[in-house]
Amino acid sequence: MSTSAAAGAFVTQLRVRPDVTLTVVPEGTAPTWLIRVQAAEVHDAVRVACAPASRVADIKREVMRVLLPDVSALDGYLVKFRGAEVRDEGITLGGLGVQDASLMFLTSRTRRPHR
């Protein structure tokens, strides 16, 4: 196994629901990547089979459907990649610079105080 394949296997297995792999690809496209998306509020993550042409908004919607099913306001949450907010969720993963085995975060737009 190559170093990048080993790193990819590690990233997509780390603290994810073992029974859930979401598939988010445009119609007529096959998934070529496996990324990990973590929702901060529930301390949980899922694997997403996707493609460079997959849109961030579609991935956000599907991850929220599984990890945050009680939340109906998608705009109340943001997606982060490499520590920065993805402001244009209509962008494709390839356009954003996402690669196989990348990690994305999903978190609330409002900060909650720690007590």
N, C-alpha and C. Protein backbone atom coordinates (compact mmCIF):
# COMPACT_ATOMS: atom_id res chain seq x y z
N MET A 1 0.85 -1.18 0.00
CA MET A 1 0.00 0.00 0.00
C MET A 1 0.89 1.23 0.00
N SER A 2 0.59 2.21 -0.87
CA SER A 2 1.39 3.42 -0.93
C SER A 2 1.14 4.29 0.30
N THR A 3 2.03 5.26 0.51
CA THR A 3 1.88 6.15 1.65
C THR A 3 0.59 6.94 1.57
N SER A 4 0.24 7.45 0.38
CA SER A 4 -0.99 8.23 0.24
C SER A 4 -2.22 7.35 0.42
N ALA A 5 -2.17 6.11 -0.04
CA ALA A 5 -3.31 5.20 0.15
C ALA A 5 -3.47 4.87 1.63
N ALA A 6 -2.37 4.68 2.34
CA ALA A 6 -2.43 4.40 3.77
C ALA A 6 -2.99 5.60 4.52
N ALA A 7 -2.56 6.81 4.15
CA ALA A 7 -3.06 8.02 4.79
C ALA A 7 -4.55 8.18 4.51
N GLY A 8 -4.98 7.90 3.29
CA GLY A 8 -6.39 7.99 2.93
C GLY A 8 -7.23 7.02 3.71
N ALA A 9 -6.75 5.80 3.87
CA ALA A 9 -7.48 4.79 4.63
C ALA A 9 -7.61 5.23 6.09
N PHE A 10 -6.56 5.83 6.63
CA PHE A 10 -6.60 6.30 8.01
C PHE A 10 -7.61 7.44 8.19
N VAL A 11 -7.56 8.43 7.32
CA VAL A 11 -8.44 9.59 7.44
C VAL A 11 -9.90 9.20 7.32
N THR A 12 -10.22 8.29 6.42
CA THR A 12 -11.62 7.94 6.21
C THR A 12 -12.13 6.89 7.19
N GLN A 13 -11.27 6.36 8.05
CA GLN A 13 -11.70 5.39 9.07
C GLN A 13 -11.74 6.00 10.46
N LEU A 14 -11.08 7.12 10.67
CA LEU A 14 -10.93 7.73 11.98
C LEU A 14 -12.25 8.30 12.49
N ARG A 15 -12.77 7.73 13.55
CA ARG A 15 -13.98 8.21 14.23
C ARG A 15 -15.15 8.47 13.28
N VAL A 16 -15.42 7.54 12.39
CA VAL A 16 -16.58 7.66 11.51
C VAL A 16 -17.58 6.57 11.85
N ARG A 17 -18.82 6.80 11.48
CA ARG A 17 -19.82 5.75 11.66
C ARG A 17 -19.48 4.61 10.72
N PRO A 18 -19.23 3.43 11.25
CA PRO A 18 -18.76 2.32 10.41
C PRO A 18 -19.81 1.84 9.41
N ASP A 19 -21.08 2.06 9.71
CA ASP A 19 -22.14 1.54 8.85
C ASP A 19 -22.67 2.57 7.86
N VAL A 20 -22.06 3.76 7.80
CA VAL A 20 -22.56 4.82 6.93
C VAL A 20 -21.48 5.31 5.98
N THR A 21 -21.76 5.21 4.69
CA THR A 21 -20.97 5.87 3.67
C THR A 21 -21.96 6.52 2.72
N LEU A 22 -21.99 7.83 2.72
CA LEU A 22 -22.90 8.56 1.85
C LEU A 22 -22.30 8.65 0.45
N THR A 23 -23.12 8.65 -0.56
CA THR A 23 -22.65 8.83 -1.93
C THR A 23 -23.27 10.12 -2.46
N VAL A 24 -22.42 11.06 -2.81
CA VAL A 24 -22.87 12.36 -3.31
C VAL A 24 -22.09 12.67 -4.58
N VAL A 25 -22.72 12.37 -5.72
CA VAL A 25 -22.10 12.64 -7.02
C VAL A 25 -23.16 13.18 -7.98
N PRO A 26 -22.75 14.01 -8.94
CA PRO A 26 -23.70 14.46 -9.95
C PRO A 26 -24.20 13.26 -10.76
N GLU A 27 -25.40 13.38 -11.28
CA GLU A 27 -25.99 12.30 -12.08
C GLU A 27 -25.07 11.94 -13.24
N GLY A 28 -24.89 10.65 -13.43
CA GLY A 28 -24.03 10.16 -14.51
C GLY A 28 -22.56 10.13 -14.16
N THR A 29 -22.22 10.41 -12.91
CA THR A 29 -20.83 10.43 -12.46
C THR A 29 -20.62 9.32 -11.44
N ALA A 30 -19.47 8.71 -11.48
CA ALA A 30 -19.13 7.67 -10.50
C ALA A 30 -18.26 8.27 -9.41
N PRO A 31 -18.44 7.81 -8.16
CA PRO A 31 -17.57 8.32 -7.09
C PRO A 31 -16.14 7.85 -7.28
N THR A 32 -15.21 8.77 -7.13
CA THR A 32 -13.79 8.44 -7.27
C THR A 32 -13.00 8.76 -6.02
N TRP A 33 -13.58 9.53 -5.11
CA TRP A 33 -12.91 9.92 -3.89
C TRP A 33 -13.71 9.45 -2.69
N LEU A 34 -13.02 9.34 -1.57
CA LEU A 34 -13.67 9.07 -0.29
C LEU A 34 -13.14 10.11 0.70
N ILE A 35 -14.03 11.00 1.16
CA ILE A 35 -13.63 12.04 2.10
C ILE A 35 -14.34 11.82 3.43
N ARG A 36 -13.91 12.55 4.45
CA ARG A 36 -14.52 12.46 5.77
C ARG A 36 -15.10 13.82 6.10
N VAL A 37 -16.36 13.85 6.56
CA VAL A 37 -16.99 15.10 6.97
C VAL A 37 -17.41 14.94 8.42
N GLN A 38 -16.96 15.87 9.25
CA GLN A 38 -17.23 15.82 10.68
C GLN A 38 -18.15 16.96 11.08
N ALA A 39 -19.18 16.65 11.88
CA ALA A 39 -20.08 17.66 12.42
C ALA A 39 -19.67 17.94 13.86
N ALA A 40 -19.24 19.15 14.12
CA ALA A 40 -18.70 19.51 15.43
C ALA A 40 -19.72 19.36 16.55
N GLU A 41 -20.96 19.74 16.31
CA GLU A 41 -21.97 19.75 17.36
C GLU A 41 -22.32 18.35 17.87
N VAL A 42 -22.21 17.35 17.06
CA VAL A 42 -22.56 16.00 17.50
C VAL A 42 -21.32 15.11 17.70
N HIS A 43 -20.14 15.68 17.49
CA HIS A 43 -18.89 14.93 17.65
C HIS A 43 -18.95 13.61 16.88
N ASP A 44 -19.39 13.69 15.64
CA ASP A 44 -19.55 12.49 14.82
C ASP A 44 -19.10 12.82 13.41
N ALA A 45 -18.78 11.79 12.65
CA ALA A 45 -18.32 11.98 11.28
C ALA A 45 -18.81 10.84 10.40
N VAL A 46 -18.86 11.12 9.10
CA VAL A 46 -19.24 10.11 8.12
C VAL A 46 -18.27 10.17 6.94
N ARG A 47 -18.18 9.05 6.25
CA ARG A 47 -17.44 8.99 5.00
C ARG A 47 -18.39 9.41 3.88
N VAL A 48 -17.86 10.10 2.88
CA VAL A 48 -18.66 10.50 1.73
C VAL A 48 -17.92 10.07 0.47
N ALA A 49 -18.55 9.20 -0.30
CA ALA A 49 -18.03 8.83 -1.61
C ALA A 49 -18.47 9.93 -2.57
N CYS A 50 -17.52 10.56 -3.23
CA CYS A 50 -17.84 11.72 -4.05
C CYS A 50 -16.92 11.78 -5.26
N ALA A 51 -17.02 12.86 -6.00
CA ALA A 51 -16.21 13.06 -7.20
C ALA A 51 -15.78 14.53 -7.23
N PRO A 52 -14.78 14.87 -8.03
CA PRO A 52 -14.38 16.27 -8.12
C PRO A 52 -15.53 17.20 -8.53
N ALA A 53 -16.51 16.67 -9.25
CA ALA A 53 -17.65 17.49 -9.70
C ALA A 53 -18.76 17.60 -8.65
N SER A 54 -18.64 16.93 -7.51
CA SER A 54 -19.64 17.03 -6.45
C SER A 54 -19.61 18.44 -5.86
N ARG A 55 -20.78 18.99 -5.58
CA ARG A 55 -20.87 20.34 -5.02
C ARG A 55 -20.87 20.30 -3.49
N VAL A 56 -20.26 21.30 -2.88
CA VAL A 56 -20.18 21.40 -1.43
C VAL A 56 -21.59 21.44 -0.83
N ALA A 57 -22.50 22.18 -1.44
CA ALA A 57 -23.87 22.30 -0.92
C ALA A 57 -24.57 20.94 -0.86
N ASP A 58 -24.34 20.09 -1.86
CA ASP A 58 -24.97 18.77 -1.87
C ASP A 58 -24.41 17.88 -0.77
N ILE A 59 -23.11 17.98 -0.55
CA ILE A 59 -22.48 17.20 0.52
C ILE A 59 -22.98 17.68 1.88
N LYS A 60 -23.05 18.99 2.07
CA LYS A 60 -23.55 19.57 3.32
C LYS A 60 -24.97 19.07 3.60
N ARG A 61 -25.83 19.12 2.61
CA ARG A 61 -27.23 18.70 2.79
C ARG A 61 -27.32 17.23 3.20
N GLU A 62 -26.57 16.36 2.54
CA GLU A 62 -26.63 14.93 2.85
C GLU A 62 -26.02 14.60 4.20
N VAL A 63 -24.93 15.25 4.55
CA VAL A 63 -24.31 15.01 5.85
C VAL A 63 -25.23 15.50 6.96
N MET A 64 -25.85 16.65 6.77
CA MET A 64 -26.78 17.16 7.79
C MET A 64 -28.00 16.25 7.92
N ARG A 65 -28.45 15.67 6.82
CA ARG A 65 -29.59 14.76 6.87
C ARG A 65 -29.29 13.57 7.78
N VAL A 66 -28.05 13.11 7.79
CA VAL A 66 -27.68 11.95 8.59
C VAL A 66 -27.23 12.33 10.01
N LEU A 67 -26.36 13.32 10.12
CA LEU A 67 -25.79 13.65 11.42
C LEU A 67 -26.61 14.65 12.23
N LEU A 68 -27.37 15.50 11.56
CA LEU A 68 -28.17 16.53 12.24
C LEU A 68 -29.60 16.50 11.70
N PRO A 69 -30.29 15.39 11.85
CA PRO A 69 -31.61 15.25 11.23
C PRO A 69 -32.68 16.19 11.78
N ASP A 70 -32.50 16.74 12.97
CA ASP A 70 -33.49 17.64 13.56
C ASP A 70 -33.31 19.09 13.13
N VAL A 71 -32.24 19.37 12.39
CA VAL A 71 -31.96 20.74 11.96
C VAL A 71 -32.53 20.94 10.56
N SER A 72 -33.43 21.91 10.44
CA SER A 72 -34.04 22.15 9.13
C SER A 72 -33.42 23.35 8.41
N ALA A 73 -32.77 24.25 9.14
CA ALA A 73 -32.19 25.45 8.56
C ALA A 73 -30.74 25.19 8.15
N LEU A 74 -30.54 24.80 6.90
CA LEU A 74 -29.19 24.53 6.42
C LEU A 74 -28.29 25.76 6.48
N ASP A 75 -28.88 26.95 6.33
CA ASP A 75 -28.09 28.17 6.34
C ASP A 75 -27.50 28.48 7.71
N GLY A 76 -27.98 27.83 8.75
CA GLY A 76 -27.45 28.04 10.09
C GLY A 76 -26.13 27.31 10.32
N TYR A 77 -25.69 26.55 9.32
CA TYR A 77 -24.45 25.79 9.43
C TYR A 77 -23.52 26.15 8.29
N LEU A 78 -22.24 26.04 8.54
CA LEU A 78 -21.25 26.33 7.51
C LEU A 78 -20.30 25.15 7.36
N VAL A 79 -19.66 25.11 6.22
CA VAL A 79 -18.67 24.07 5.91
C VAL A 79 -17.30 24.72 5.94
N LYS A 80 -16.36 24.02 6.56
CA LYS A 80 -14.97 24.50 6.58
C LYS A 80 -14.08 23.49 5.88
N PHE A 81 -13.12 24.01 5.15
CA PHE A 81 -12.10 23.18 4.52
C PHE A 81 -10.77 23.87 4.73
N ARG A 82 -9.80 23.14 5.25
CA ARG A 82 -8.48 23.68 5.60
C ARG A 82 -8.59 24.87 6.54
N GLY A 83 -9.57 24.80 7.46
CA GLY A 83 -9.72 25.82 8.49
C GLY A 83 -10.48 27.06 8.09
N ALA A 84 -10.85 27.18 6.82
CA ALA A 84 -11.55 28.38 6.36
C ALA A 84 -12.97 28.04 5.93
N GLU A 85 -13.87 28.99 6.14
CA GLU A 85 -15.25 28.79 5.72
C GLU A 85 -15.33 28.73 4.20
N VAL A 86 -16.13 27.81 3.71
CA VAL A 86 -16.41 27.74 2.28
C VAL A 86 -17.59 28.68 2.05
N ARG A 87 -17.33 29.87 1.52
CA ARG A 87 -18.37 30.88 1.36
C ARG A 87 -19.30 30.58 0.19
N ASP A 88 -18.77 30.01 -0.87
CA ASP A 88 -19.59 29.67 -2.04
C ASP A 88 -19.81 28.16 -2.03
N GLU A 89 -20.94 27.73 -1.47
CA GLU A 89 -21.21 26.30 -1.36
C GLU A 89 -21.64 25.68 -2.69
N GLY A 90 -21.78 26.50 -3.71
CA GLY A 90 -22.08 25.99 -5.05
C GLY A 90 -20.83 25.51 -5.77
N ILE A 91 -19.67 25.73 -5.20
CA ILE A 91 -18.41 25.33 -5.82
C ILE A 91 -18.27 23.81 -5.78
N THR A 92 -17.58 23.27 -6.75
CA THR A 92 -17.32 21.83 -6.76
C THR A 92 -16.13 21.53 -5.85
N LEU A 93 -16.02 20.28 -5.46
CA LEU A 93 -14.89 19.88 -4.62
C LEU A 93 -13.57 20.10 -5.35
N GLY A 94 -13.54 19.77 -6.63
CA GLY A 94 -12.33 19.98 -7.41
C GLY A 94 -11.95 21.45 -7.48
N GLY A 95 -12.94 22.32 -7.63
CA GLY A 95 -12.69 23.76 -7.68
C GLY A 95 -12.20 24.32 -6.35
N LEU A 96 -12.59 23.67 -5.27
CA LEU A 96 -12.18 24.09 -3.93
C LEU A 96 -10.78 23.59 -3.57
N GLY A 97 -10.32 22.55 -4.25
CA GLY A 97 -9.01 21.99 -3.94
C GLY A 97 -9.07 20.74 -3.08
N VAL A 98 -10.27 20.22 -2.88
CA VAL A 98 -10.43 18.97 -2.13
C VAL A 98 -9.81 17.83 -2.94
N GLN A 99 -9.26 16.86 -2.24
CA GLN A 99 -8.69 15.68 -2.86
C GLN A 99 -9.20 14.44 -2.16
N ASP A 100 -8.86 13.30 -2.70
CA ASP A 100 -9.21 12.04 -2.06
C ASP A 100 -8.66 12.03 -0.64
N ALA A 101 -9.46 11.58 0.31
CA ALA A 101 -9.10 11.46 1.73
C ALA A 101 -9.03 12.81 2.45
N SER A 102 -9.61 13.85 1.87
CA SER A 102 -9.65 15.15 2.55
C SER A 102 -10.64 15.11 3.71
N LEU A 103 -10.54 16.10 4.56
CA LEU A 103 -11.42 16.24 5.72
C LEU A 103 -12.12 17.59 5.63
N MET A 104 -13.44 17.58 5.86
CA MET A 104 -14.22 18.81 5.91
C MET A 104 -14.97 18.84 7.23
N PHE A 105 -15.23 20.06 7.73
CA PHE A 105 -15.97 20.23 8.99
C PHE A 105 -17.29 20.93 8.72
N LEU A 106 -18.29 20.55 9.47
CA LEU A 106 -19.60 21.16 9.43
C LEU A 106 -19.87 21.68 10.83
N THR A 107 -20.19 22.96 10.96
CA THR A 107 -20.40 23.54 12.28
C THR A 107 -21.44 24.66 12.22
N SER A 108 -22.00 24.97 13.37
CA SER A 108 -23.00 26.02 13.48
C SER A 108 -22.38 27.38 13.21
N ARG A 109 -23.15 28.27 12.60
CA ARG A 109 -22.68 29.64 12.37
C ARG A 109 -22.60 30.45 13.65
N THR A 110 -23.41 30.07 14.64
CA THR A 110 -23.42 30.81 15.91
C THR A 110 -22.55 30.10 16.92
N ARG A 111 -21.72 30.87 17.57
CA ARG A 111 -20.84 30.29 18.58
C ARG A 111 -21.59 30.17 19.89
N ARG A 112 -21.37 29.09 20.58
CA ARG A 112 -22.00 28.88 21.86
C ARG A 112 -20.96 29.00 22.96
N PRO A 113 -21.28 29.72 24.04
CA PRO A 113 -20.29 29.86 25.12
C PRO A 113 -20.07 28.55 25.85
N HIS A 114 -18.84 28.34 26.28
CA HIS A 114 -18.51 27.15 27.06
C HIS A 114 -18.70 27.48 28.53
N ARG A 115 -19.26 26.57 29.27
CA ARG A 115 -19.47 26.80 30.71
C ARG A 115 -18.70 25.81 31.51
